[in-house]
N, C-alpha and C. Protein backbone atom coordinates (compact mmCIF):
# COMPACT_ATOMS: atom_id res chain seq x y z
N MET A 1 -8.96 -20.87 68.30
CA MET A 1 -7.59 -21.30 68.12
C MET A 1 -7.45 -22.80 68.32
N LYS A 2 -8.16 -23.34 69.37
CA LYS A 2 -8.10 -24.77 69.63
C LYS A 2 -8.69 -25.55 68.47
N MET A 3 -9.82 -25.01 67.94
CA MET A 3 -10.45 -25.71 66.83
C MET A 3 -9.51 -25.75 65.64
N PHE A 4 -8.80 -24.61 65.37
CA PHE A 4 -7.89 -24.57 64.23
C PHE A 4 -6.70 -25.50 64.44
N SER A 5 -6.25 -25.55 65.69
CA SER A 5 -5.11 -26.40 65.97
C SER A 5 -5.44 -27.87 65.86
N LYS A 6 -6.73 -28.23 66.01
CA LYS A 6 -7.14 -29.61 65.92
C LYS A 6 -7.42 -30.05 64.48
N MET A 7 -7.36 -29.09 63.52
CA MET A 7 -7.63 -29.43 62.13
C MET A 7 -6.51 -30.31 61.61
N THR A 8 -6.87 -31.32 60.89
CA THR A 8 -5.88 -32.22 60.31
C THR A 8 -5.14 -31.55 59.17
N LYS A 9 -3.98 -32.09 58.84
CA LYS A 9 -3.22 -31.56 57.72
C LYS A 9 -4.02 -31.68 56.42
N GLY A 10 -4.86 -32.71 56.33
CA GLY A 10 -5.67 -32.88 55.13
C GLY A 10 -6.68 -31.77 54.98
N SER A 11 -7.32 -31.35 56.10
CA SER A 11 -8.30 -30.27 56.05
C SER A 11 -7.64 -28.96 55.67
N GLN A 12 -6.48 -28.69 56.27
CA GLN A 12 -5.75 -27.45 55.93
C GLN A 12 -5.36 -27.44 54.45
N GLY A 13 -4.99 -28.63 53.94
CA GLY A 13 -4.63 -28.71 52.53
C GLY A 13 -5.79 -28.43 51.62
N LEU A 14 -6.98 -28.90 51.99
CA LEU A 14 -8.17 -28.63 51.19
C LEU A 14 -8.48 -27.15 51.16
N ILE A 15 -8.38 -26.46 52.31
CA ILE A 15 -8.65 -25.02 52.38
C ILE A 15 -7.65 -24.25 51.51
N LEU A 16 -6.36 -24.64 51.62
CA LEU A 16 -5.33 -23.98 50.82
C LEU A 16 -5.58 -24.16 49.32
N ALA A 17 -5.97 -25.39 48.93
CA ALA A 17 -6.25 -25.66 47.52
C ALA A 17 -7.43 -24.84 47.03
N ALA A 18 -8.46 -24.69 47.87
CA ALA A 18 -9.63 -23.90 47.47
C ALA A 18 -9.26 -22.44 47.27
N CYS A 19 -8.39 -21.92 48.18
CA CYS A 19 -7.96 -20.52 48.05
C CYS A 19 -7.15 -20.31 46.77
N LEU A 20 -6.26 -21.27 46.50
CA LEU A 20 -5.43 -21.15 45.29
C LEU A 20 -6.26 -21.23 44.02
N SER A 21 -7.29 -22.10 44.04
CA SER A 21 -8.13 -22.24 42.85
C SER A 21 -8.96 -20.99 42.61
N ALA A 22 -9.29 -20.26 43.67
CA ALA A 22 -10.09 -19.03 43.53
C ALA A 22 -9.24 -17.84 43.15
N LEU A 23 -7.91 -17.93 43.35
CA LEU A 23 -7.02 -16.79 43.10
C LEU A 23 -7.07 -16.29 41.66
N PRO A 24 -7.00 -17.18 40.63
CA PRO A 24 -7.07 -16.68 39.25
C PRO A 24 -8.34 -15.90 38.94
N GLN A 25 -9.47 -16.35 39.52
CA GLN A 25 -10.73 -15.64 39.30
C GLN A 25 -10.69 -14.26 39.93
N MET A 26 -10.08 -14.18 41.14
CA MET A 26 -9.97 -12.88 41.80
C MET A 26 -9.09 -11.93 41.01
N VAL A 27 -7.97 -12.47 40.46
CA VAL A 27 -7.07 -11.64 39.65
C VAL A 27 -7.77 -11.15 38.40
N CYS A 28 -8.52 -12.04 37.72
CA CYS A 28 -9.24 -11.65 36.51
C CYS A 28 -10.28 -10.58 36.80
N ALA A 29 -10.99 -10.75 37.92
CA ALA A 29 -12.01 -9.77 38.30
C ALA A 29 -11.38 -8.41 38.56
N ALA A 30 -10.24 -8.42 39.27
CA ALA A 30 -9.56 -7.15 39.56
C ALA A 30 -9.06 -6.51 38.28
N SER A 31 -8.52 -7.35 37.37
CA SER A 31 -8.03 -6.83 36.08
C SER A 31 -9.16 -6.22 35.28
N SER A 32 -10.33 -6.89 35.30
CA SER A 32 -11.49 -6.40 34.56
C SER A 32 -11.96 -5.07 35.11
N GLU A 33 -12.01 -4.97 36.47
CA GLU A 33 -12.44 -3.72 37.09
C GLU A 33 -11.46 -2.60 36.77
N SER A 34 -10.13 -2.92 36.78
CA SER A 34 -9.12 -1.92 36.46
C SER A 34 -9.26 -1.45 35.03
N SER A 35 -9.52 -2.40 34.10
CA SER A 35 -9.69 -2.05 32.69
C SER A 35 -10.89 -1.15 32.48
N MET A 36 -12.00 -1.46 33.20
CA MET A 36 -13.19 -0.63 33.07
C MET A 36 -12.93 0.76 33.60
N ALA A 37 -12.17 0.83 34.71
CA ALA A 37 -11.87 2.14 35.28
C ALA A 37 -11.01 2.95 34.33
N ASN A 38 -9.98 2.30 33.70
CA ASN A 38 -9.10 3.02 32.78
C ASN A 38 -9.86 3.49 31.56
N SER A 39 -10.83 2.68 31.09
CA SER A 39 -11.56 3.04 29.89
C SER A 39 -12.46 4.24 30.10
N SER A 40 -12.74 4.57 31.38
CA SER A 40 -13.61 5.71 31.66
C SER A 40 -12.82 6.97 31.99
N ASN A 41 -11.48 6.89 31.94
CA ASN A 41 -10.64 8.03 32.26
C ASN A 41 -10.48 8.96 31.07
N LEU A 42 -10.18 10.22 31.37
CA LEU A 42 -9.85 11.19 30.32
C LEU A 42 -8.59 10.74 29.61
N LYS A 43 -8.58 10.83 28.27
CA LYS A 43 -7.43 10.44 27.47
C LYS A 43 -6.84 11.66 26.76
N ILE A 44 -5.52 11.71 26.69
CA ILE A 44 -4.80 12.76 25.97
C ILE A 44 -4.23 12.13 24.70
N VAL A 45 -4.39 12.84 23.56
CA VAL A 45 -4.00 12.27 22.27
C VAL A 45 -3.18 13.29 21.47
N PRO A 46 -1.84 13.25 21.54
CA PRO A 46 -1.03 14.06 20.63
C PRO A 46 -1.09 13.46 19.22
N THR A 47 -1.20 14.30 18.19
CA THR A 47 -1.29 13.80 16.82
C THR A 47 -0.39 14.61 15.88
N LEU A 48 0.02 13.97 14.80
CA LEU A 48 0.73 14.61 13.69
C LEU A 48 0.01 14.24 12.41
N GLY A 49 -0.10 15.19 11.48
CA GLY A 49 -0.86 14.86 10.28
C GLY A 49 -0.44 15.65 9.05
N TYR A 50 -1.06 15.26 7.95
CA TYR A 50 -0.87 15.91 6.65
C TYR A 50 -2.23 16.39 6.16
N SER A 51 -2.29 17.63 5.68
CA SER A 51 -3.55 18.19 5.20
C SER A 51 -3.46 18.45 3.70
N TYR A 52 -4.61 18.38 3.04
CA TYR A 52 -4.67 18.60 1.59
C TYR A 52 -5.96 19.37 1.30
N PHE A 53 -5.83 20.70 1.14
CA PHE A 53 -7.00 21.58 1.07
C PHE A 53 -7.05 22.36 -0.23
N ASN A 54 -8.26 22.84 -0.53
CA ASN A 54 -8.52 23.69 -1.67
C ASN A 54 -9.46 24.81 -1.22
N ILE A 55 -9.65 25.80 -2.07
CA ILE A 55 -10.65 26.85 -1.84
C ILE A 55 -11.69 26.69 -2.94
N GLN A 56 -12.87 26.20 -2.57
CA GLN A 56 -13.92 25.88 -3.53
C GLN A 56 -14.93 27.01 -3.65
N GLY A 57 -15.48 27.16 -4.86
CA GLY A 57 -16.50 28.19 -5.09
C GLY A 57 -15.95 29.59 -5.21
N SER A 58 -14.66 29.72 -5.42
CA SER A 58 -14.04 31.04 -5.55
C SER A 58 -14.14 31.54 -6.99
N SER A 59 -14.02 32.85 -7.15
CA SER A 59 -14.00 33.43 -8.49
C SER A 59 -12.66 33.14 -9.19
N SER A 60 -11.66 32.74 -8.40
CA SER A 60 -10.37 32.34 -8.96
C SER A 60 -10.31 30.83 -9.09
N ASP A 61 -9.50 30.36 -10.02
CA ASP A 61 -9.36 28.93 -10.27
C ASP A 61 -8.25 28.36 -9.40
N TYR A 62 -8.62 27.79 -8.26
CA TYR A 62 -7.64 27.23 -7.33
C TYR A 62 -7.56 25.72 -7.45
N LYS A 63 -6.39 25.20 -7.03
CA LYS A 63 -6.18 23.76 -6.93
C LYS A 63 -5.72 23.44 -5.51
N SER A 64 -5.80 22.16 -5.13
CA SER A 64 -5.45 21.75 -3.78
C SER A 64 -3.94 21.82 -3.54
N LYS A 65 -3.57 22.09 -2.30
CA LYS A 65 -2.17 22.07 -1.89
C LYS A 65 -2.04 21.37 -0.55
N GLY A 66 -0.84 20.87 -0.27
CA GLY A 66 -0.60 20.15 0.97
C GLY A 66 -0.12 21.05 2.09
N GLY A 67 -0.22 20.52 3.30
CA GLY A 67 0.23 21.24 4.49
C GLY A 67 0.41 20.28 5.64
N ASN A 68 0.62 20.81 6.83
CA ASN A 68 0.85 20.00 8.01
C ASN A 68 -0.17 20.31 9.10
N SER A 69 -0.28 19.39 10.05
CA SER A 69 -1.13 19.62 11.21
C SER A 69 -0.50 18.98 12.44
N VAL A 70 -0.66 19.64 13.58
CA VAL A 70 -0.19 19.14 14.87
C VAL A 70 -1.27 19.45 15.89
N ALA A 71 -1.61 18.47 16.72
CA ALA A 71 -2.70 18.69 17.67
C ALA A 71 -2.42 17.99 18.99
N VAL A 72 -3.04 18.53 20.04
CA VAL A 72 -3.13 17.84 21.33
C VAL A 72 -4.61 17.80 21.67
N LEU A 73 -5.18 16.59 21.63
CA LEU A 73 -6.61 16.41 21.83
C LEU A 73 -6.89 15.75 23.18
N ALA A 74 -8.08 15.99 23.70
CA ALA A 74 -8.56 15.32 24.91
C ALA A 74 -9.84 14.58 24.55
N GLN A 75 -9.92 13.31 24.96
CA GLN A 75 -11.10 12.48 24.70
C GLN A 75 -11.71 12.03 26.02
N MET A 76 -12.99 12.31 26.19
CA MET A 76 -13.70 11.94 27.41
C MET A 76 -14.74 10.87 27.10
N PRO A 77 -14.56 9.62 27.59
CA PRO A 77 -15.57 8.58 27.39
C PRO A 77 -16.88 8.97 28.06
N MET A 78 -18.01 8.75 27.34
CA MET A 78 -19.32 9.10 27.86
C MET A 78 -20.14 7.85 28.18
N GLY A 79 -19.49 6.69 28.15
CA GLY A 79 -20.21 5.44 28.40
C GLY A 79 -20.53 4.75 27.09
N GLY A 80 -20.43 3.43 27.10
CA GLY A 80 -20.72 2.68 25.89
C GLY A 80 -19.68 2.94 24.81
N SER A 81 -20.14 3.34 23.64
CA SER A 81 -19.26 3.52 22.49
C SER A 81 -18.95 4.97 22.17
N VAL A 82 -19.44 5.90 22.97
CA VAL A 82 -19.36 7.33 22.64
C VAL A 82 -18.27 8.03 23.44
N GLU A 83 -17.50 8.87 22.76
CA GLU A 83 -16.51 9.73 23.38
C GLU A 83 -16.67 11.14 22.83
N LEU A 84 -16.37 12.14 23.65
CA LEU A 84 -16.34 13.53 23.20
C LEU A 84 -14.88 13.93 23.05
N GLU A 85 -14.59 14.68 21.97
CA GLU A 85 -13.20 15.03 21.63
C GLU A 85 -13.06 16.53 21.40
N SER A 86 -12.04 17.12 22.02
CA SER A 86 -11.74 18.53 21.79
C SER A 86 -10.25 18.74 22.04
N GLY A 87 -9.78 19.96 21.85
CA GLY A 87 -8.37 20.26 22.07
C GLY A 87 -7.94 21.46 21.24
N LEU A 88 -6.65 21.53 20.97
CA LEU A 88 -6.07 22.59 20.15
C LEU A 88 -5.29 21.97 19.00
N GLU A 89 -5.41 22.58 17.83
CA GLU A 89 -4.73 22.04 16.65
C GLU A 89 -4.15 23.17 15.81
N TYR A 90 -2.90 22.97 15.36
CA TYR A 90 -2.30 23.85 14.37
C TYR A 90 -2.54 23.21 13.01
N LEU A 91 -3.13 23.96 12.09
CA LEU A 91 -3.54 23.42 10.80
C LEU A 91 -3.14 24.36 9.67
N GLU A 92 -2.53 23.81 8.63
CA GLU A 92 -2.19 24.58 7.44
C GLU A 92 -3.18 24.24 6.33
N THR A 93 -3.85 25.26 5.82
CA THR A 93 -4.75 25.09 4.68
C THR A 93 -4.31 26.07 3.58
N GLY A 94 -5.15 26.25 2.57
CA GLY A 94 -4.83 27.15 1.47
C GLY A 94 -5.15 26.53 0.13
N ALA A 95 -4.48 27.01 -0.89
CA ALA A 95 -4.70 26.53 -2.25
C ALA A 95 -3.61 27.11 -3.15
N LYS A 96 -3.65 26.72 -4.41
CA LYS A 96 -2.66 27.24 -5.34
C LYS A 96 -3.27 27.39 -6.72
N GLN A 97 -2.63 28.21 -7.54
CA GLN A 97 -2.97 28.34 -8.94
C GLN A 97 -1.77 27.88 -9.76
N SER A 98 -2.04 27.23 -10.87
CA SER A 98 -0.94 26.71 -11.68
C SER A 98 -1.31 26.69 -13.16
N VAL A 99 -0.29 26.58 -13.98
CA VAL A 99 -0.46 26.46 -15.42
C VAL A 99 0.06 25.09 -15.84
N ASP A 100 -0.76 24.35 -16.57
CA ASP A 100 -0.38 23.00 -16.98
C ASP A 100 0.22 23.00 -18.38
N PHE A 101 1.29 22.23 -18.53
CA PHE A 101 1.93 22.02 -19.82
C PHE A 101 2.01 20.51 -20.05
N GLY A 102 0.92 19.93 -20.49
CA GLY A 102 0.89 18.48 -20.66
C GLY A 102 0.99 17.79 -19.31
N PHE A 103 2.07 17.01 -19.14
CA PHE A 103 2.27 16.31 -17.87
C PHE A 103 2.93 17.18 -16.82
N LEU A 104 3.38 18.36 -17.21
CA LEU A 104 4.06 19.26 -16.29
C LEU A 104 3.10 20.34 -15.80
N SER A 105 3.37 20.82 -14.58
CA SER A 105 2.55 21.87 -14.00
C SER A 105 3.46 22.90 -13.34
N LEU A 106 3.20 24.19 -13.59
CA LEU A 106 3.99 25.27 -13.03
C LEU A 106 3.10 26.10 -12.11
N ASP A 107 3.46 26.14 -10.82
CA ASP A 107 2.69 26.93 -9.86
C ASP A 107 2.95 28.41 -10.07
N THR A 108 1.88 29.18 -10.17
CA THR A 108 2.01 30.63 -10.36
C THR A 108 1.63 31.41 -9.11
N LEU A 109 0.89 30.77 -8.19
CA LEU A 109 0.49 31.43 -6.94
C LEU A 109 0.19 30.36 -5.90
N THR A 110 0.72 30.54 -4.71
CA THR A 110 0.44 29.61 -3.61
C THR A 110 -0.06 30.39 -2.40
N VAL A 111 -1.26 30.08 -1.95
CA VAL A 111 -1.84 30.72 -0.77
C VAL A 111 -1.71 29.75 0.40
N THR A 112 -1.02 30.19 1.45
CA THR A 112 -0.83 29.38 2.64
C THR A 112 -1.48 30.06 3.83
N ILE A 113 -2.39 29.32 4.49
CA ILE A 113 -3.11 29.86 5.64
C ILE A 113 -2.80 28.99 6.85
N LYS A 114 -2.23 29.61 7.88
CA LYS A 114 -1.90 28.89 9.12
C LYS A 114 -2.94 29.25 10.17
N GLN A 115 -3.57 28.20 10.73
CA GLN A 115 -4.70 28.42 11.61
C GLN A 115 -4.55 27.68 12.93
N LEU A 116 -5.21 28.20 13.95
CA LEU A 116 -5.39 27.50 15.21
C LEU A 116 -6.85 27.07 15.27
N THR A 117 -7.10 25.79 15.47
CA THR A 117 -8.47 25.29 15.47
C THR A 117 -8.79 24.63 16.81
N VAL A 118 -10.09 24.58 17.11
CA VAL A 118 -10.59 23.96 18.35
C VAL A 118 -11.66 22.94 17.97
N PRO A 119 -11.27 21.67 17.74
CA PRO A 119 -12.25 20.65 17.35
C PRO A 119 -13.29 20.42 18.45
N LEU A 120 -14.54 20.29 18.04
CA LEU A 120 -15.64 19.95 18.94
C LEU A 120 -16.37 18.78 18.29
N ARG A 121 -15.95 17.56 18.62
CA ARG A 121 -16.42 16.39 17.89
C ARG A 121 -16.92 15.30 18.83
N ALA A 122 -17.80 14.45 18.28
CA ALA A 122 -18.23 13.23 18.96
C ALA A 122 -17.63 12.05 18.20
N LYS A 123 -17.20 11.05 18.95
CA LYS A 123 -16.55 9.86 18.37
C LYS A 123 -17.36 8.63 18.75
N TYR A 124 -17.65 7.78 17.77
CA TYR A 124 -18.41 6.56 18.03
C TYR A 124 -17.56 5.35 17.65
N ILE A 125 -17.29 4.48 18.62
CA ILE A 125 -16.49 3.28 18.39
C ILE A 125 -17.42 2.13 18.02
N PHE A 126 -17.22 1.54 16.85
CA PHE A 126 -18.12 0.50 16.36
C PHE A 126 -17.97 -0.82 17.11
N ASN A 127 -16.76 -1.13 17.57
CA ASN A 127 -16.52 -2.39 18.30
C ASN A 127 -15.69 -2.12 19.56
N PRO A 128 -16.27 -1.47 20.56
CA PRO A 128 -15.50 -1.03 21.74
C PRO A 128 -14.89 -2.15 22.56
N SER A 129 -15.46 -3.35 22.51
CA SER A 129 -14.95 -4.43 23.34
C SER A 129 -13.82 -5.22 22.69
N SER A 130 -13.45 -4.86 21.47
CA SER A 130 -12.40 -5.59 20.75
C SER A 130 -11.05 -5.37 21.41
N SER A 131 -10.28 -6.46 21.55
CA SER A 131 -8.92 -6.36 22.11
C SER A 131 -7.90 -6.07 21.00
N GLY A 132 -8.33 -6.13 19.75
CA GLY A 132 -7.45 -5.85 18.62
C GLY A 132 -7.76 -4.50 18.00
N THR A 133 -7.98 -4.51 16.70
CA THR A 133 -8.31 -3.28 15.99
C THR A 133 -9.71 -2.79 16.33
N ARG A 134 -9.82 -1.51 16.70
CA ARG A 134 -11.13 -0.90 16.93
C ARG A 134 -11.37 0.15 15.84
N TRP A 135 -12.57 0.10 15.27
CA TRP A 135 -12.95 1.05 14.22
C TRP A 135 -13.88 2.10 14.79
N TYR A 136 -13.73 3.34 14.29
CA TYR A 136 -14.57 4.42 14.81
C TYR A 136 -14.88 5.45 13.73
N GLY A 137 -15.95 6.18 13.98
CA GLY A 137 -16.31 7.32 13.15
C GLY A 137 -16.42 8.54 14.05
N LYS A 138 -16.26 9.72 13.48
CA LYS A 138 -16.37 10.94 14.28
C LYS A 138 -16.90 12.08 13.43
N GLY A 139 -17.49 13.06 14.09
CA GLY A 139 -18.03 14.20 13.38
C GLY A 139 -18.32 15.34 14.33
N GLY A 140 -18.41 16.55 13.78
CA GLY A 140 -18.71 17.71 14.60
C GLY A 140 -18.36 18.99 13.87
N VAL A 141 -18.14 20.04 14.62
CA VAL A 141 -17.76 21.34 14.06
C VAL A 141 -16.46 21.78 14.69
N THR A 142 -15.70 22.61 13.96
CA THR A 142 -14.40 23.08 14.44
C THR A 142 -14.25 24.57 14.14
N PRO A 143 -14.29 25.41 15.17
CA PRO A 143 -13.98 26.83 14.97
C PRO A 143 -12.51 27.00 14.59
N THR A 144 -12.22 27.94 13.70
CA THR A 144 -10.85 28.19 13.24
C THR A 144 -10.48 29.66 13.41
N PHE A 145 -9.21 29.92 13.71
CA PHE A 145 -8.71 31.28 13.90
C PHE A 145 -7.43 31.44 13.08
N VAL A 146 -7.41 32.41 12.17
CA VAL A 146 -6.26 32.63 11.29
C VAL A 146 -5.10 33.24 12.07
N MET A 147 -3.95 32.56 12.05
CA MET A 147 -2.75 33.08 12.69
C MET A 147 -1.91 33.90 11.72
N SER A 148 -1.78 33.39 10.48
CA SER A 148 -1.06 34.12 9.44
C SER A 148 -1.50 33.61 8.07
N ALA A 149 -1.28 34.43 7.05
CA ALA A 149 -1.65 34.03 5.68
C ALA A 149 -0.71 34.74 4.71
N SER A 150 -0.28 34.01 3.69
CA SER A 150 0.63 34.59 2.73
C SER A 150 0.31 34.12 1.32
N ALA A 151 0.67 34.93 0.34
CA ALA A 151 0.54 34.58 -1.07
C ALA A 151 1.94 34.62 -1.67
N ASP A 152 2.36 33.48 -2.20
CA ASP A 152 3.72 33.37 -2.75
C ASP A 152 3.65 33.27 -4.27
N VAL A 153 4.40 34.16 -4.94
CA VAL A 153 4.50 34.15 -6.40
C VAL A 153 5.95 33.89 -6.77
N PRO A 154 6.23 32.85 -7.54
CA PRO A 154 7.62 32.55 -7.91
C PRO A 154 8.29 33.75 -8.57
N GLY A 155 9.46 34.12 -8.04
CA GLY A 155 10.21 35.24 -8.59
C GLY A 155 9.82 36.58 -8.03
N ALA A 156 8.68 36.66 -7.33
CA ALA A 156 8.22 37.95 -6.77
C ALA A 156 8.17 37.94 -5.26
N GLY A 157 8.41 36.80 -4.63
CA GLY A 157 8.43 36.75 -3.17
C GLY A 157 7.06 36.51 -2.56
N SER A 158 6.99 36.73 -1.24
CA SER A 158 5.79 36.45 -0.46
C SER A 158 5.12 37.74 0.01
N THR A 159 3.80 37.74 0.01
CA THR A 159 3.02 38.89 0.46
C THR A 159 2.09 38.49 1.59
N ASP A 160 2.06 39.29 2.64
CA ASP A 160 1.17 39.04 3.77
C ASP A 160 -0.25 39.42 3.38
N ILE A 161 -1.18 38.45 3.41
CA ILE A 161 -2.56 38.71 3.01
C ILE A 161 -3.55 38.44 4.15
N LYS A 162 -3.05 38.41 5.38
CA LYS A 162 -3.92 38.10 6.52
C LYS A 162 -5.10 39.07 6.61
N SER A 163 -4.86 40.34 6.31
CA SER A 163 -5.92 41.34 6.42
C SER A 163 -7.02 41.14 5.38
N ASP A 164 -6.75 40.35 4.33
CA ASP A 164 -7.75 40.08 3.30
C ASP A 164 -8.68 38.92 3.68
N LEU A 165 -8.32 38.21 4.74
CA LEU A 165 -9.08 37.02 5.13
C LEU A 165 -10.01 37.31 6.32
N ASN A 166 -11.06 36.52 6.40
CA ASN A 166 -11.89 36.52 7.61
C ASN A 166 -11.12 35.78 8.69
N SER A 167 -10.91 36.42 9.82
CA SER A 167 -10.05 35.85 10.85
C SER A 167 -10.68 34.66 11.56
N PHE A 168 -12.02 34.56 11.54
CA PHE A 168 -12.72 33.47 12.22
C PHE A 168 -13.51 32.65 11.20
N GLY A 169 -13.50 31.34 11.37
CA GLY A 169 -14.26 30.46 10.48
C GLY A 169 -14.74 29.23 11.21
N ILE A 170 -15.51 28.41 10.51
CA ILE A 170 -16.02 27.16 11.08
C ILE A 170 -15.97 26.07 10.01
N PHE A 171 -15.47 24.90 10.41
CA PHE A 171 -15.50 23.70 9.59
C PHE A 171 -16.57 22.75 10.10
N ALA A 172 -17.28 22.10 9.19
CA ALA A 172 -18.05 20.89 9.53
C ALA A 172 -17.15 19.71 9.18
N GLN A 173 -17.05 18.73 10.08
CA GLN A 173 -16.10 17.65 9.89
C GLN A 173 -16.73 16.27 10.07
N ALA A 174 -16.23 15.30 9.31
CA ALA A 174 -16.62 13.90 9.46
C ALA A 174 -15.41 13.04 9.11
N GLY A 175 -15.23 11.95 9.86
CA GLY A 175 -14.05 11.13 9.61
C GLY A 175 -14.22 9.69 10.03
N LEU A 176 -13.28 8.85 9.60
CA LEU A 176 -13.23 7.44 9.95
C LEU A 176 -11.80 7.09 10.36
N GLY A 177 -11.67 6.11 11.28
CA GLY A 177 -10.34 5.73 11.70
C GLY A 177 -10.31 4.41 12.44
N ALA A 178 -9.12 4.05 12.88
CA ALA A 178 -8.92 2.81 13.64
C ALA A 178 -7.83 3.04 14.66
N ASP A 179 -7.87 2.25 15.75
CA ASP A 179 -6.79 2.30 16.72
C ASP A 179 -6.41 0.89 17.17
N TRP A 180 -5.19 0.80 17.71
CA TRP A 180 -4.63 -0.49 18.12
C TRP A 180 -3.98 -0.35 19.48
N GLY A 181 -4.20 -1.32 20.37
CA GLY A 181 -3.61 -1.29 21.70
C GLY A 181 -2.15 -1.68 21.68
N LEU A 182 -1.36 -1.08 22.59
CA LEU A 182 0.05 -1.40 22.76
C LEU A 182 0.22 -2.06 24.12
N GLU A 183 0.32 -3.38 24.13
CA GLU A 183 0.39 -4.10 25.40
C GLU A 183 1.67 -3.81 26.16
N SER A 184 2.76 -3.54 25.46
CA SER A 184 4.05 -3.35 26.12
C SER A 184 4.11 -2.07 26.95
N ILE A 185 3.52 -0.98 26.44
CA ILE A 185 3.60 0.30 27.14
C ILE A 185 2.23 0.86 27.49
N GLY A 186 1.18 0.20 27.07
CA GLY A 186 -0.16 0.71 27.32
C GLY A 186 -0.54 1.78 26.30
N GLY A 187 -1.76 2.26 26.39
CA GLY A 187 -2.22 3.27 25.44
C GLY A 187 -2.60 2.65 24.10
N ARG A 188 -3.01 3.50 23.17
CA ARG A 188 -3.43 3.03 21.85
C ARG A 188 -2.93 4.01 20.79
N VAL A 189 -2.44 3.46 19.67
CA VAL A 189 -2.08 4.29 18.52
C VAL A 189 -3.28 4.34 17.59
N ASN A 190 -3.45 5.46 16.90
CA ASN A 190 -4.60 5.60 16.00
C ASN A 190 -4.19 6.24 14.69
N LEU A 191 -5.00 5.97 13.69
CA LEU A 191 -4.82 6.56 12.36
C LEU A 191 -6.20 6.86 11.80
N ASP A 192 -6.44 8.12 11.39
CA ASP A 192 -7.76 8.44 10.86
C ASP A 192 -7.69 9.45 9.72
N VAL A 193 -8.76 9.50 8.98
CA VAL A 193 -8.92 10.44 7.86
C VAL A 193 -10.16 11.29 8.13
N THR A 194 -10.01 12.60 8.03
CA THR A 194 -11.11 13.52 8.32
C THR A 194 -11.34 14.45 7.13
N TYR A 195 -12.60 14.60 6.75
CA TYR A 195 -12.96 15.57 5.70
C TYR A 195 -13.53 16.82 6.36
N SER A 196 -13.05 17.98 5.93
CA SER A 196 -13.51 19.27 6.47
C SER A 196 -14.14 20.10 5.37
N GLN A 197 -15.31 20.66 5.65
CA GLN A 197 -15.99 21.54 4.72
C GLN A 197 -16.22 22.89 5.40
N GLY A 198 -15.65 23.93 4.81
CA GLY A 198 -15.81 25.26 5.40
C GLY A 198 -17.24 25.75 5.31
N LEU A 199 -17.74 26.30 6.41
CA LEU A 199 -19.08 26.88 6.44
C LEU A 199 -19.04 28.40 6.31
N THR A 200 -17.85 28.97 6.33
CA THR A 200 -17.67 30.41 6.23
C THR A 200 -16.70 30.73 5.09
N LYS A 201 -16.74 31.95 4.61
CA LYS A 201 -15.87 32.36 3.50
C LYS A 201 -14.43 32.54 3.97
N VAL A 202 -13.49 32.20 3.10
CA VAL A 202 -12.07 32.37 3.41
C VAL A 202 -11.69 33.85 3.32
N PHE A 203 -12.01 34.47 2.17
CA PHE A 203 -11.66 35.87 1.94
C PHE A 203 -12.86 36.78 2.20
N LYS A 204 -12.57 38.02 2.57
CA LYS A 204 -13.63 38.99 2.83
C LYS A 204 -14.35 39.37 1.53
N GLU A 205 -13.62 39.40 0.42
CA GLU A 205 -14.19 39.86 -0.85
C GLU A 205 -14.37 38.74 -1.87
N ASP A 206 -14.49 37.51 -1.41
CA ASP A 206 -14.64 36.37 -2.31
C ASP A 206 -15.52 35.33 -1.62
N SER A 207 -16.25 34.54 -2.41
CA SER A 207 -17.20 33.58 -1.84
C SER A 207 -16.60 32.19 -1.61
N GLY A 208 -15.31 32.01 -1.90
CA GLY A 208 -14.69 30.70 -1.76
C GLY A 208 -14.65 30.19 -0.32
N ARG A 209 -14.82 28.88 -0.17
CA ARG A 209 -14.77 28.23 1.14
C ARG A 209 -13.73 27.12 1.13
N ALA A 210 -13.02 26.97 2.22
CA ALA A 210 -11.99 25.95 2.32
C ALA A 210 -12.62 24.57 2.47
N ALA A 211 -11.99 23.57 1.85
CA ALA A 211 -12.45 22.19 1.97
C ALA A 211 -11.26 21.27 1.71
N GLY A 212 -11.21 20.16 2.44
CA GLY A 212 -10.10 19.25 2.21
C GLY A 212 -10.06 18.11 3.20
N PHE A 213 -8.99 17.32 3.09
CA PHE A 213 -8.81 16.12 3.91
C PHE A 213 -7.60 16.27 4.82
N GLN A 214 -7.66 15.57 5.92
CA GLN A 214 -6.53 15.43 6.83
C GLN A 214 -6.30 13.96 7.13
N ILE A 215 -5.04 13.54 7.11
CA ILE A 215 -4.64 12.22 7.57
C ILE A 215 -3.78 12.42 8.80
N ALA A 216 -4.18 11.83 9.93
CA ALA A 216 -3.47 12.07 11.18
C ALA A 216 -3.20 10.77 11.92
N ALA A 217 -2.03 10.69 12.55
CA ALA A 217 -1.66 9.56 13.40
C ALA A 217 -1.43 10.08 14.81
N GLY A 218 -1.85 9.33 15.81
CA GLY A 218 -1.70 9.79 17.18
C GLY A 218 -1.50 8.65 18.15
N TYR A 219 -1.26 9.02 19.40
CA TYR A 219 -1.07 8.07 20.49
C TYR A 219 -1.92 8.52 21.67
N ALA A 220 -2.85 7.69 22.10
CA ALA A 220 -3.77 8.02 23.20
C ALA A 220 -3.34 7.33 24.48
N PHE A 221 -3.25 8.11 25.57
CA PHE A 221 -2.95 7.52 26.88
C PHE A 221 -3.88 8.13 27.93
N SER A 222 -4.23 7.33 28.92
CA SER A 222 -5.17 7.75 29.96
C SER A 222 -4.46 8.47 31.09
N LEU A 223 -5.12 9.46 31.66
CA LEU A 223 -4.58 10.17 32.81
C LEU A 223 -4.94 9.43 34.10
């Protein structure tokens, strides 16, 4: 205490200046450690999307039709650029038949299949350290479970065809996307395109397999 009390005002000023000069470095280090910790946390990603599927290789002549998708995904960072992704997704697939009249087309049959899927994918971020746009690719397999299926014929109504379908299926999937950080509220918004190729038959008595694209937008936040 005596030694401290004998310190001149100049010496105390030098110590104070040294502490103040070191403060920004300490704050940056703490911020960096916090960022690294957040990047290793489990992330939840609600998504909304549009699907465009067909039934390929069928004995019937089908064309692609649109649908919707809604998902809640979980992403677990595995270190470096790799993340594992899974969750639950509601997905509409199917196909349609139509008759063309020049530039006009008349739908004669629409098959709508509503499914619950469980994506099992790996995600690779090409530039993980970027503070702006990050690009990524992903791929894996997705088990599917048929919730309902219908065949709609104009003027004749809708028919339940769930019993004609295989209730369980598998997609092989590959996709590309990008995400952007939101400094104001945290988290990242993402937009990606995924191609799905059915590995199992859609119908019990037909060899056709579902295939198509999904465009999905989501918001990822850490727990």
